[in-house]
Amino acid sequence: MVANSHLLIIEDEEGAAQTLEKFFVKKGYSVGIANTGEDGIARFLARTPEIVLLDFKLPGMDGEQVFLKIKEINPLIPVIIMTAFGEVDLAVRLLKLGVFYYITKPFELDVLLHLVNEAIGKAVLTRENARLQEKLQGRYSFENFIFRSEIMAETVNLAMRVADSEATVLIGGESGTGKEVLANIIHYASAMRNGPFVKVNLASLPATLIEAELFGHEKGAFTGADRSRTGRFEEANGGTIFLDEIGDLPMETQIKLLRVIQEREIFRLGSNKAVPINMRLISATHRDLALEVQRRSFREDLFFRLNTISIRMPSLRRRKEDIPFLVEHFLKKFSAREKKSIRGIEKKALNALMKYSFPGNVRELENIIERAVILTRHEEISEEDLPVFSAGGESYQDIAAAGIPLPVKTREFEKKLILEALENNRFIGTKTARELGISESTLRYKMDSLGIKAV
């Protein structure tokens, strides 16, 4: 229970209302009572409660009408409906409308108390998440960082707590989950926020150029070096450098990066002069670096240096309650860009998205909605507008059919996704990888392992 929680009871049976009032007052709540729906709305407006206990059968406005009015006034206040009529259809309809819980009379008061405490706890978390997101959006303008889920709130709170330290941070998670955005949040919430934020995607750089890109070089350091060049570490001096896909760093460069972390200085290629640097290092990877250490493809000492603070971005599969809010955001974004009047998404289409596994995570969802907005001829996105569920040839339902071993299902499902993305992007690797939310090197590896030939 939240301290000084105020509970509003809307119940026309005087004896039942008094019983509930006495019980919850003893439990530390302040309680307001209304005998009609109209009076309940007036009391709700006069003093916003933390929770509402609402009888379904009321004189005048019934419980459903009262609930809809409360939801219109403040949708963050949880409502528990109480009724002697336990029809399943009624319960399902009310739950879909957003009622926190539906309880039939007679009920145990301790059961109701548990539900009330649970509802208030979740409501407090929801409000905290909304305030946190408003703060992030207003202060740092991370327009695609939309969340309501508890797991994302915990992730962002952890990032905000470590922001002011100077410790290195390793962000893990699947491709497309928003690791770069989280790195932005850490930088702009840190004491180095006024310094540069330098991003380097190591997977997009040829191995032969990584050192020159990171450390810079002097004129004549190698063939083609016709002038001196400042490296990304020097550019990040006084700020933050973000090394994305750190797992793709060649072993010989890993040794040099370890020295940078330990000594806080770099040497340009072709120079023996140390250049001191003061910067925050944040790295990210979709790989399991602990496993790469076991395979001896990643240095253990570097792993421990990078992993001082570890934050893992949750996959979209683990935060599905965020999908409707993300869909709404992307619809507004792309409808405005394409100058289309799209009201929303059909319930069937949204349900299909809620059931989908999203191997490419938020980036894949954004691509799906962008494509749907561009191609649809209607005012609402339908299931037919979503390429994931309307692909020709072998259907995803066919792949998922019973009797097929899971490894085979997974392989065929992934192969189909990659082939579709390649065809959509005319087999251009950069665009295909971006649509799938993976690096080009990962795309090439998957194409080789799945027997997909480039055209």
Protein backbone atom coordinates (compact mmCIF):
# COMPACT_ATOMS: atom_id res chain seq x y z
CA MET A 1 0.00 0.00 0.00
CA VAL A 2 1.17 3.53 -0.85
CA ALA A 3 1.30 5.83 2.19
CA ASN A 4 -1.98 7.75 2.74
CA SER A 5 -3.68 5.91 -0.13
CA HIS A 6 -7.19 7.13 -0.80
CA LEU A 7 -9.76 4.53 -1.85
CA LEU A 8 -13.12 5.45 -3.39
CA ILE A 9 -15.99 2.98 -2.92
CA ILE A 10 -19.01 3.38 -5.23
CA GLU A 11 -21.64 1.02 -3.81
CA ASP A 12 -25.41 1.55 -3.46
CA GLU A 13 -25.91 -1.06 -0.71
CA GLU A 14 -25.26 0.88 2.49
CA GLY A 15 -24.34 -2.16 4.61
CA ALA A 16 -21.80 -3.44 2.07
CA ALA A 17 -20.28 0.02 1.69
CA GLN A 18 -19.87 0.42 5.47
CA THR A 19 -18.29 -3.03 5.80
CA LEU A 20 -15.74 -2.19 3.13
CA GLU A 21 -15.08 1.22 4.68
CA LYS A 22 -14.39 -0.19 8.16
CA PHE A 23 -12.13 -2.91 6.78
CA PHE A 24 -9.95 -0.62 4.65
CA VAL A 25 -9.75 2.12 7.30
CA LYS A 26 -8.31 -0.51 9.67
CA LYS A 27 -5.76 -1.36 6.99
CA GLY A 28 -4.57 2.24 6.84
CA TYR A 29 -6.53 3.60 3.89
CA SER A 30 -8.53 6.79 3.79
CA VAL A 31 -11.92 5.96 2.29
CA GLY A 32 -14.58 7.88 0.42
CA ILE A 33 -18.08 6.47 -0.22
CA ALA A 34 -20.60 7.22 -2.96
CA ASN A 35 -24.03 5.56 -3.34
CA THR A 36 -24.65 6.39 -7.01
CA GLY A 37 -22.57 6.60 -10.15
CA GLU A 38 -23.15 10.32 -10.49
CA ASP A 39 -22.03 10.93 -6.90
CA GLY A 40 -19.01 8.69 -7.47
CA ILE A 41 -17.90 10.77 -10.47
CA ALA A 42 -18.31 13.97 -8.43
CA ARG A 43 -16.21 12.57 -5.56
CA PHE A 44 -13.60 11.30 -8.03
CA LEU A 45 -13.28 14.81 -9.45
CA ALA A 46 -13.14 16.38 -5.99
CA ARG A 47 -10.31 14.12 -4.81
CA THR A 48 -8.46 11.75 -7.08
CA PRO A 49 -8.16 8.35 -5.38
CA GLU A 50 -5.39 5.79 -5.81
CA ILE A 51 -8.03 3.14 -6.64
CA VAL A 52 -11.78 2.75 -7.14
CA LEU A 53 -13.98 -0.13 -5.95
CA LEU A 54 -17.03 0.02 -8.19
CA ASP A 55 -20.29 -1.90 -7.87
CA PHE A 56 -21.66 -2.93 -11.26
CA LYS A 57 -25.36 -2.62 -10.45
CA LEU A 58 -26.09 0.99 -9.54
CA PRO A 59 -29.16 3.23 -9.77
CA GLY A 60 -28.89 5.59 -12.73
CA MET A 61 -25.46 5.16 -14.34
CA ASP A 62 -24.37 1.52 -14.20
CA GLY A 63 -20.86 0.40 -13.34
CA GLU A 64 -19.69 0.19 -16.94
CA GLN A 65 -20.78 3.77 -17.67
CA VAL A 66 -19.11 5.01 -14.50
CA PHE A 67 -15.90 3.16 -15.36
CA LEU A 68 -15.76 4.65 -18.87
CA LYS A 69 -16.21 8.14 -17.40
CA ILE A 70 -13.42 7.54 -14.85
CA LYS A 71 -11.17 6.23 -17.60
CA GLU A 72 -11.88 9.37 -19.62
CA ILE A 73 -10.97 11.60 -16.65
CA ASN A 74 -7.84 9.72 -15.57
CA PRO A 75 -6.96 6.41 -17.30
CA LEU A 76 -4.10 5.71 -14.85
CA ILE A 77 -6.38 5.10 -11.85
CA PRO A 78 -7.14 1.36 -11.48
CA VAL A 79 -10.74 0.23 -11.05
CA ILE A 80 -11.96 -3.05 -9.56
CA ILE A 81 -15.54 -3.97 -10.49
CA MET A 82 -17.65 -5.75 -7.84
CA THR A 83 -20.81 -7.60 -8.86
CA ALA A 84 -23.04 -10.49 -7.93
CA PHE A 85 -23.47 -11.32 -11.59
CA GLY A 86 -20.59 -13.51 -12.69
CA GLU A 87 -21.26 -13.75 -16.42
CA VAL A 88 -18.06 -14.59 -18.30
CA ASP A 89 -18.92 -12.38 -21.28
CA LEU A 90 -19.38 -9.37 -18.99
CA ALA A 91 -16.06 -10.03 -17.26
CA VAL A 92 -14.18 -10.36 -20.54
CA ARG A 93 -15.73 -7.18 -21.94
CA LEU A 94 -14.83 -5.15 -18.85
CA LEU A 95 -11.28 -6.49 -18.74
CA LYS A 96 -10.82 -5.57 -22.40
CA LEU A 97 -12.07 -2.07 -21.62
CA GLY A 98 -9.30 -1.72 -19.07
CA VAL A 99 -10.80 -2.74 -15.73
CA PHE A 100 -7.98 -3.95 -13.48
CA TYR A 101 -9.99 -6.84 -12.07
CA TYR A 102 -13.51 -8.23 -11.94
CA ILE A 103 -14.58 -9.86 -8.64
CA THR A 104 -17.90 -11.56 -7.93
CA LYS A 105 -19.83 -11.29 -4.68
CA PRO A 106 -19.55 -12.72 -2.12
CA PHE A 107 -15.77 -12.45 -1.81
CA GLU A 108 -13.18 -12.68 0.95
CA LEU A 109 -12.06 -9.25 2.17
CA ASP A 110 -8.44 -10.40 2.36
CA VAL A 111 -8.60 -11.42 -1.32
CA LEU A 112 -9.93 -7.98 -2.20
CA LEU A 113 -7.19 -6.34 -0.10
CA HIS A 114 -4.55 -8.27 -2.03
CA LEU A 115 -6.06 -7.10 -5.33
CA VAL A 116 -6.22 -3.49 -4.15
CA ASN A 117 -2.57 -3.51 -3.04
CA GLU A 118 -1.49 -5.12 -6.30
CA ALA A 119 -3.47 -2.62 -8.38
CA ILE A 120 -2.03 0.39 -6.55
CA GLY A 121 1.51 -0.96 -6.87
CA LYS A 122 1.15 -1.42 -10.62
CA ALA A 123 -0.49 1.99 -11.01
CA VAL A 124 2.38 3.68 -9.18
CA LEU A 125 4.89 1.90 -11.44
CA THR A 126 2.92 2.93 -14.55
CA ARG A 127 2.93 6.59 -13.47
CA GLU A 128 6.66 6.44 -12.67
CA ASN A 129 7.37 4.93 -16.08
CA ALA A 130 5.33 7.64 -17.80
CA ARG A 131 7.16 10.40 -15.87
CA LEU A 132 10.54 8.83 -16.62
CA GLN A 133 9.72 8.62 -20.31
CA GLU A 134 8.43 12.21 -20.42
CA LYS A 135 11.68 13.32 -18.78
CA LEU A 136 13.74 11.43 -21.32
CA GLN A 137 11.71 12.63 -24.30
CA GLY A 138 11.58 16.24 -23.16
CA ARG A 139 15.22 16.51 -22.17
CA TYR A 140 17.00 14.36 -24.70
CA SER A 141 14.55 14.00 -27.63
CA PHE A 142 14.78 10.22 -28.05
CA GLU A 143 11.68 10.04 -30.19
CA ASN A 144 11.60 6.26 -30.72
CA PHE A 145 12.24 5.35 -27.08
CA ILE A 146 8.67 4.42 -26.15
CA PHE A 147 7.89 2.14 -23.25
CA ARG A 148 5.36 1.36 -20.54
CA SER A 149 6.73 -2.02 -19.46
CA GLU A 150 8.31 -2.66 -16.08
CA ILE A 151 11.36 -4.36 -17.59
CA MET A 152 12.21 -1.32 -19.76
CA ALA A 153 11.69 1.07 -16.84
CA GLU A 154 14.14 -0.98 -14.78
CA THR A 155 16.65 -0.91 -17.65
CA VAL A 156 16.44 2.87 -18.09
CA ASN A 157 16.59 3.48 -14.34
CA LEU A 158 19.79 1.42 -14.17
CA ALA A 159 21.26 3.43 -17.05
CA MET A 160 20.38 6.71 -15.32
CA ARG A 161 21.99 5.52 -12.06
CA VAL A 162 25.30 4.63 -13.68
CA ALA A 163 25.39 7.69 -15.94
CA ASP A 164 27.29 9.94 -13.52
CA SER A 165 30.01 7.39 -12.81
CA GLU A 166 33.12 7.10 -14.98
CA ALA A 167 32.87 3.32 -15.24
CA THR A 168 32.89 1.61 -18.63
CA VAL A 169 29.51 0.21 -19.61
CA LEU A 170 28.75 -2.84 -21.74
CA ILE A 171 25.26 -2.93 -23.27
CA GLY A 172 24.11 -6.34 -24.41
CA GLY A 173 21.03 -7.44 -26.26
CA GLU A 174 19.74 -8.59 -29.62
CA SER A 175 20.03 -6.44 -32.72
CA GLY A 176 17.33 -3.80 -33.04
CA THR A 177 16.59 -3.47 -29.31
CA GLY A 178 17.89 0.11 -29.01
CA LYS A 179 21.37 -0.30 -27.55
CA GLU A 180 22.62 2.87 -29.26
CA VAL A 181 19.72 4.89 -27.88
CA LEU A 182 20.50 3.66 -24.36
CA ALA A 183 24.13 4.72 -24.87
CA ASN A 184 22.83 8.17 -25.83
CA ILE A 185 20.80 8.31 -22.64
CA ILE A 186 23.83 7.43 -20.51
CA HIS A 187 25.95 10.10 -22.21
CA TYR A 188 23.39 12.91 -22.02
CA ALA A 189 22.59 12.13 -18.39
CA SER A 190 26.28 12.14 -17.43
CA ALA A 191 28.69 14.85 -16.32
CA MET A 192 30.20 14.68 -19.84
CA ARG A 193 26.93 15.60 -21.53
CA ASN A 194 28.42 18.81 -22.96
CA GLY A 195 31.26 16.89 -24.58
CA PRO A 196 31.10 15.00 -27.89
CA PHE A 197 29.24 11.72 -28.34
CA VAL A 198 31.20 9.71 -30.92
CA LYS A 199 29.65 6.56 -32.40
CA VAL A 200 31.65 3.85 -34.17
CA ASN A 201 30.00 0.76 -35.65
CA LEU A 202 32.85 -1.73 -35.73
CA ALA A 203 30.89 -4.27 -37.77
CA SER A 204 30.64 -1.81 -40.67
CA LEU A 205 34.42 -1.22 -40.86
CA PRO A 206 36.87 -3.49 -42.75
CA ALA A 207 39.30 -5.08 -40.28
CA THR A 208 42.22 -3.38 -42.03
CA LEU A 209 40.81 0.10 -41.38
CA ILE A 210 39.58 -0.26 -37.78
CA GLU A 211 42.85 0.82 -36.12
CA ALA A 212 43.27 3.86 -38.39
CA GLU A 213 39.66 4.83 -37.71
CA LEU A 214 39.99 4.52 -33.93
CA PHE A 215 43.53 5.77 -33.36
CA GLY A 216 44.09 8.07 -36.31
CA HIS A 217 47.34 8.18 -38.26
CA GLU A 218 50.24 10.36 -39.27
CA LYS A 219 51.06 11.28 -42.85
CA GLY A 220 52.88 8.42 -44.53
CA ALA A 221 51.93 5.85 -41.88
CA PHE A 222 50.74 3.49 -44.62
CA THR A 223 50.09 3.51 -48.35
CA GLY A 224 47.50 6.16 -49.15
CA ALA A 225 47.99 8.12 -45.91
CA ASP A 226 48.71 11.41 -47.67
CA ARG A 227 47.86 13.51 -44.60
CA SER A 228 47.55 13.20 -40.82
CA ARG A 229 44.14 12.26 -39.44
CA THR A 230 42.60 12.46 -35.98
CA GLY A 231 41.10 9.20 -34.77
CA ARG A 232 37.73 8.65 -33.11
CA PHE A 233 39.24 8.32 -29.63
CA GLU A 234 40.72 11.83 -29.91
CA GLU A 235 37.43 13.15 -31.28
CA ALA A 236 35.69 11.80 -28.17
CA ASN A 237 38.05 13.58 -25.77
CA GLY A 238 36.00 15.24 -23.02
CA GLY A 239 32.94 13.19 -23.92
CA THR A 240 31.84 9.63 -24.69
CA ILE A 241 32.84 7.11 -27.33
CA PHE A 242 30.34 4.38 -28.19
CA LEU A 243 31.82 1.26 -29.78
CA ASP A 244 28.95 -0.69 -31.29
CA GLU A 245 29.37 -4.42 -32.06
CA ILE A 246 32.51 -4.64 -29.90
CA GLY A 247 32.43 -8.40 -30.43
CA ASP A 248 33.60 -7.83 -34.03
CA LEU A 249 36.83 -6.16 -32.91
CA PRO A 250 39.89 -8.07 -34.27
CA MET A 251 42.08 -9.72 -31.64
CA GLU A 252 45.13 -7.56 -32.45
CA THR A 253 43.06 -4.40 -31.94
CA GLN A 254 41.63 -5.74 -28.69
CA ILE A 255 45.11 -5.55 -27.16
CA LYS A 256 45.41 -1.89 -28.11
CA LEU A 257 41.94 -1.07 -26.79
CA LEU A 258 42.83 -2.66 -23.45
CA ARG A 259 45.84 -0.36 -23.22
CA VAL A 260 43.67 2.68 -24.00
CA ILE A 261 41.34 1.79 -21.11
CA GLN A 262 44.23 1.20 -18.71
CA GLU A 263 46.56 4.06 -19.65
CA ARG A 264 44.07 6.67 -20.92
CA GLU A 265 46.30 7.49 -23.86
CA ILE A 266 46.56 6.53 -27.52
CA PHE A 267 49.23 6.42 -30.21
CA ARG A 268 48.36 7.43 -33.74
CA LEU A 269 49.52 4.95 -36.38
CA GLY A 270 53.01 5.95 -37.48
CA SER A 271 53.73 7.92 -34.28
CA ASN A 272 55.53 7.19 -31.01
CA LYS A 273 54.02 10.20 -29.27
CA ALA A 274 51.37 9.39 -26.65
CA VAL A 275 48.19 11.46 -26.82
CA PRO A 276 46.33 11.64 -23.45
CA ILE A 277 42.55 11.27 -23.64
CA ASN A 278 39.74 11.76 -21.14
CA MET A 279 36.58 10.02 -22.25
CA ARG A 280 33.82 7.65 -21.19
CA LEU A 281 33.73 4.30 -22.99
CA ILE A 282 30.42 2.59 -23.69
CA SER A 283 30.36 -0.53 -25.83
CA ALA A 284 27.59 -2.75 -27.13
CA THR A 285 27.22 -6.18 -28.66
CA HIS A 286 24.60 -8.69 -29.68
CA ARG A 287 27.10 -11.49 -29.06
CA ASP A 288 27.62 -13.45 -25.84
CA LEU A 289 31.10 -12.14 -25.02
CA ALA A 290 31.54 -14.58 -22.13
CA LEU A 291 31.07 -17.39 -24.66
CA GLU A 292 33.47 -15.67 -27.09
CA VAL A 293 36.04 -15.59 -24.28
CA GLN A 294 35.64 -19.35 -23.85
CA ARG A 295 36.13 -19.76 -27.61
CA ARG A 296 39.26 -17.60 -27.34
CA SER A 297 37.98 -15.14 -29.93
CA PHE A 298 37.73 -12.35 -27.34
CA ARG A 299 40.29 -11.43 -24.70
CA GLU A 300 39.24 -12.22 -21.15
CA ASP A 301 41.08 -9.24 -19.65
CA LEU A 302 39.40 -6.85 -22.08
CA PHE A 303 36.01 -8.42 -21.38
CA PHE A 304 36.38 -7.75 -17.65
CA ARG A 305 37.44 -4.15 -18.35
CA LEU A 306 34.46 -3.51 -20.61
CA ASN A 307 32.02 -5.29 -18.31
CA THR A 308 32.41 -3.06 -15.23
CA ILE A 309 28.72 -2.18 -15.57
CA SER A 310 26.59 -4.53 -17.65
CA ILE A 311 23.14 -3.55 -18.93
CA ARG A 312 21.06 -5.84 -21.11
CA MET A 313 18.40 -4.41 -23.40
CA PRO A 314 15.31 -6.63 -23.33
CA SER A 315 14.01 -8.04 -26.58
CA LEU A 316 10.62 -6.89 -27.82
CA ARG A 317 9.34 -10.40 -27.06
CA ARG A 318 9.92 -9.66 -23.35
CA ARG A 319 8.13 -6.30 -23.42
CA LYS A 320 5.10 -7.01 -25.58
CA GLU A 321 2.94 -4.60 -23.57
CA ASP A 322 4.97 -1.83 -25.27
CA ILE A 323 3.95 -2.90 -28.78
CA PRO A 324 0.62 -0.96 -28.98
CA PHE A 325 2.37 2.26 -27.87
CA LEU A 326 5.23 1.74 -30.33
CA VAL A 327 2.77 1.02 -33.14
CA GLU A 328 0.83 4.20 -32.35
CA HIS A 329 4.06 6.22 -32.35
CA PHE A 330 5.32 4.80 -35.65
CA LEU A 331 1.92 5.26 -37.30
CA LYS A 332 1.93 8.96 -36.37
CA LYS A 333 5.54 9.36 -37.47
CA PHE A 334 5.21 7.78 -40.90
CA SER A 335 1.68 9.03 -41.59
CA ALA A 336 2.96 12.58 -41.12
CA ARG A 337 5.99 11.92 -43.33
CA GLU A 338 3.90 10.34 -46.09
CA LYS A 339 1.12 12.94 -45.68
CA LYS A 340 -1.52 10.23 -45.16
CA SER A 341 -4.54 10.27 -42.87
CA ILE A 342 -4.31 6.91 -41.13
CA ARG A 343 -6.55 6.59 -38.07
CA GLY A 344 -4.90 3.57 -36.57
CA ILE A 345 -4.55 -0.19 -36.87
CA GLU A 346 -7.26 -2.84 -37.00
CA LYS A 347 -7.63 -5.01 -33.92
CA LYS A 348 -6.88 -8.19 -35.88
CA ALA A 349 -3.65 -6.69 -37.23
CA LEU A 350 -2.54 -5.52 -33.78
CA ASN A 351 -3.30 -8.95 -32.33
CA ALA A 352 -1.14 -10.51 -35.03
CA LEU A 353 1.73 -8.19 -34.11
CA MET A 354 1.28 -9.05 -30.44
CA LYS A 355 1.72 -12.76 -31.27
CA TYR A 356 4.73 -12.27 -33.54
CA SER A 357 8.24 -13.03 -32.21
CA PHE A 358 10.07 -10.01 -33.74
CA PRO A 359 13.56 -11.41 -34.36
CA GLY A 360 14.57 -7.88 -35.43
CA ASN A 361 12.96 -6.29 -32.35
CA VAL A 362 11.89 -2.61 -32.31
CA ARG A 363 13.77 -1.84 -35.53
CA GLU A 364 11.84 -4.58 -37.31
CA LEU A 365 8.52 -3.30 -35.93
CA GLU A 366 9.37 0.20 -37.17
CA ASN A 367 10.18 -1.16 -40.64
CA ILE A 368 6.94 -3.17 -40.72
CA ILE A 369 4.81 -0.13 -39.83
CA GLU A 370 6.71 2.13 -42.24
CA ARG A 371 6.08 -0.27 -45.10
CA ALA A 372 2.42 -0.68 -44.13
CA VAL A 373 1.87 3.09 -44.06
CA ILE A 374 3.49 3.51 -47.47
CA LEU A 375 1.54 0.71 -49.17
CA THR A 376 -1.90 0.79 -47.53
CA ARG A 377 -4.85 2.26 -49.40
CA HIS A 378 -7.06 2.44 -46.33
CA GLU A 379 -7.47 4.63 -43.27
CA GLU A 380 -6.57 1.75 -40.95
CA ILE A 381 -3.69 -0.70 -41.19
CA SER A 382 -5.00 -4.20 -41.77
CA GLU A 383 -3.33 -7.59 -41.40
CA GLU A 384 -2.94 -7.71 -45.20
CA ASP A 385 -0.75 -4.58 -44.99
CA LEU A 386 1.77 -6.36 -42.77
CA PRO A 387 4.40 -8.20 -44.84
CA VAL A 388 5.24 -10.59 -42.01
CA PHE A 389 1.77 -12.13 -42.20
CA SER A 390 0.92 -11.78 -45.88
CA ALA A 391 4.02 -13.22 -47.57
CA GLY A 392 3.49 -15.41 -50.60
CA GLY A 393 4.68 -18.98 -51.00
CA GLU A 394 5.22 -21.09 -47.94
CA SER A 395 3.41 -19.46 -45.03
CA TYR A 396 4.72 -18.98 -41.54
CA GLN A 397 1.86 -21.18 -40.42
CA ASP A 398 3.22 -23.93 -42.69
CA ILE A 399 6.69 -23.57 -41.20
CA ALA A 400 5.20 -23.76 -37.69
CA ALA A 401 3.17 -26.87 -38.49
CA ALA A 402 3.23 -29.73 -36.03
CA GLY A 403 5.60 -32.61 -36.69
CA ILE A 404 8.53 -30.47 -37.83
CA PRO A 405 11.50 -30.44 -35.40
CA LEU A 406 12.11 -27.07 -33.72
CA PRO A 407 15.63 -26.54 -35.18
CA VAL A 408 14.23 -27.08 -38.70
CA LYS A 409 11.33 -24.68 -38.03
CA THR A 410 13.72 -22.04 -36.74
CA ARG A 411 16.09 -22.42 -39.70
CA GLU A 412 13.31 -22.24 -42.30
CA PHE A 413 11.64 -19.31 -40.57
CA GLU A 414 14.90 -17.34 -40.50
CA LYS A 415 15.68 -18.26 -44.12
CA LYS A 416 12.28 -17.02 -45.26
CA LEU A 417 12.67 -13.71 -43.41
CA ILE A 418 16.12 -13.08 -44.90
CA LEU A 419 15.03 -13.98 -48.45
CA GLU A 420 12.06 -11.61 -48.22
CA ALA A 421 14.25 -8.80 -46.94
CA LEU A 422 16.83 -9.41 -49.69
CA GLU A 423 14.14 -9.32 -52.38
CA ASN A 424 12.59 -6.17 -50.89
CA ASN A 425 15.99 -4.46 -51.01
CA ARG A 426 17.18 -5.82 -54.39
CA PHE A 427 19.83 -7.91 -52.60
CA ILE A 428 21.66 -4.79 -51.38
CA GLY A 429 23.43 -5.99 -48.23
CA THR A 430 23.47 -2.68 -46.34
CA LYS A 431 19.75 -2.02 -46.78
CA THR A 432 18.81 -5.65 -46.08
CA ALA A 433 20.83 -5.75 -42.86
CA ARG A 434 19.26 -2.47 -41.73
CA GLU A 435 15.72 -3.79 -42.34
CA LEU A 436 16.46 -6.99 -40.42
CA GLY A 437 18.14 -5.10 -37.59
CA ILE A 438 21.44 -6.97 -37.87
CA SER A 439 24.97 -6.08 -39.00
CA GLU A 440 26.18 -6.80 -42.53
CA SER A 441 28.73 -9.30 -41.24
CA THR A 442 25.95 -11.16 -39.39
CA LEU A 443 23.81 -11.10 -42.56
CA ARG A 444 26.66 -12.60 -44.61
CA TYR A 445 27.24 -15.28 -41.99
CA LYS A 446 23.54 -16.22 -41.91
CA MET A 447 23.31 -16.30 -45.71
CA ASP A 448 26.29 -18.67 -45.88
CA SER A 449 24.96 -20.94 -43.13
CA LEU A 450 21.44 -21.03 -44.66
CA GLY A 451 22.65 -21.60 -48.20
CA ILE A 452 21.35 -18.29 -49.54
CA LYS A 453 23.33 -17.04 -52.53
CA ALA A 454 23.72 -13.34 -53.30
CA VAL A 455 22.44 -12.32 -56.74
